[in-house]
Protein backbone atom coordinates (compact mmCIF):
# COMPACT_ATOMS: atom_id res chain seq x y z
CA MET A 1 0.00 0.00 0.00
CA ALA A 2 1.36 3.43 -0.95
CA VAL A 3 2.20 6.03 1.68
CA MET A 4 -0.53 8.40 0.45
CA GLU A 5 -3.15 5.66 0.73
CA LYS A 6 -2.12 4.87 4.31
CA LEU A 7 -2.08 8.50 5.46
CA PHE A 8 -5.18 9.74 3.69
CA LYS A 9 -7.44 6.73 3.48
CA ASP A 10 -11.01 7.84 2.69
CA GLU A 11 -10.11 11.53 3.02
CA GLU A 12 -10.04 14.40 0.58
CA ILE A 13 -6.55 15.75 0.02
CA TYR A 14 -5.38 18.92 -1.69
CA THR A 15 -2.16 20.29 -3.08
CA PRO A 16 -1.08 23.81 -2.13
CA ILE A 17 -1.90 24.95 -5.67
CA GLU A 18 -5.45 23.56 -5.42
CA ILE A 19 -5.91 25.37 -2.10
CA ALA A 20 -4.58 28.62 -3.57
CA LYS A 21 -7.09 28.42 -6.43
CA LYS A 22 -9.96 27.49 -4.12
CA LEU A 23 -9.22 30.30 -1.65
CA LYS A 24 -8.15 32.80 -4.34
CA ILE A 25 -4.77 33.47 -2.77
CA SER A 26 -1.25 32.95 -4.06
CA LYS A 27 0.46 29.60 -3.75
CA GLU A 28 3.26 31.45 -1.92
CA ALA A 29 0.72 32.50 0.72
CA VAL A 30 -0.37 28.87 1.11
CA TYR A 31 3.24 27.76 1.59
CA ALA A 32 3.73 30.57 4.14
CA TYR A 33 0.70 29.35 6.12
CA ILE A 34 2.06 25.81 5.99
CA LYS A 35 5.50 26.96 7.15
CA SER A 36 4.00 29.00 10.01
CA GLY A 37 1.93 26.01 11.17
CA LYS A 38 -1.40 27.77 10.63
CA LEU A 39 -2.28 25.28 7.89
CA PRO A 40 -1.38 21.69 8.82
CA ALA A 41 0.22 19.81 5.94
CA TYR A 42 2.09 16.61 5.27
CA ARG A 43 5.23 16.36 3.22
CA ILE A 44 5.45 13.23 1.13
CA GLY A 45 8.76 13.15 -0.65
CA LYS A 46 9.09 16.64 -2.06
CA PHE A 47 5.34 17.28 -2.26
CA TRP A 48 3.00 18.87 0.29
CA ARG A 49 -0.55 17.62 0.86
CA VAL A 50 -3.32 19.04 3.03
CA LYS A 51 -6.30 17.11 4.35
CA GLY A 52 -9.68 18.54 3.38
CA GLU A 53 -10.67 18.64 7.04
CA ASP A 54 -7.58 20.72 7.90
CA MET A 55 -8.26 23.09 5.01
CA ASN A 56 -11.85 23.59 6.20
CA LYS A 57 -10.67 24.38 9.74
CA PHE A 58 -8.14 26.84 8.32
CA VAL A 59 -10.84 28.60 6.28
CA GLU A 60 -13.02 28.89 9.39
CA MET A 61 -10.09 30.38 11.32
CA VAL A 62 -9.37 32.93 8.58
CA ASN A 63 -13.04 33.90 8.36
CA ALA A 64 -13.23 34.32 12.15
CA ASP A 65 -10.13 36.57 12.08
CA LYS A 66 -11.73 38.73 9.37
CA LYS A 67 -14.81 39.28 11.55
CA GLN A 68 -12.75 40.61 14.46
C-alpha cells in the first residue's frame, strides 16, 4: 500500500496549488501558512498535501479573524 493511501485513506486531500485556487490566494501565501503552522500539511517526498478537514478548519479560522 502506498504512503498516500495509508495517510489519507477515505479523506479528501489537496495540493497547495489547489488550495490557492480554491481560496483565491497565491500559492506562496499557502506555503507561508504551511511553514508557520497555521495550515497543517504533510510532506510526502518533495510534495505537500493538506487534508480537506484541515483546510476547512483553516478557512473557518481565517473567516473568524476577518470578523474581528
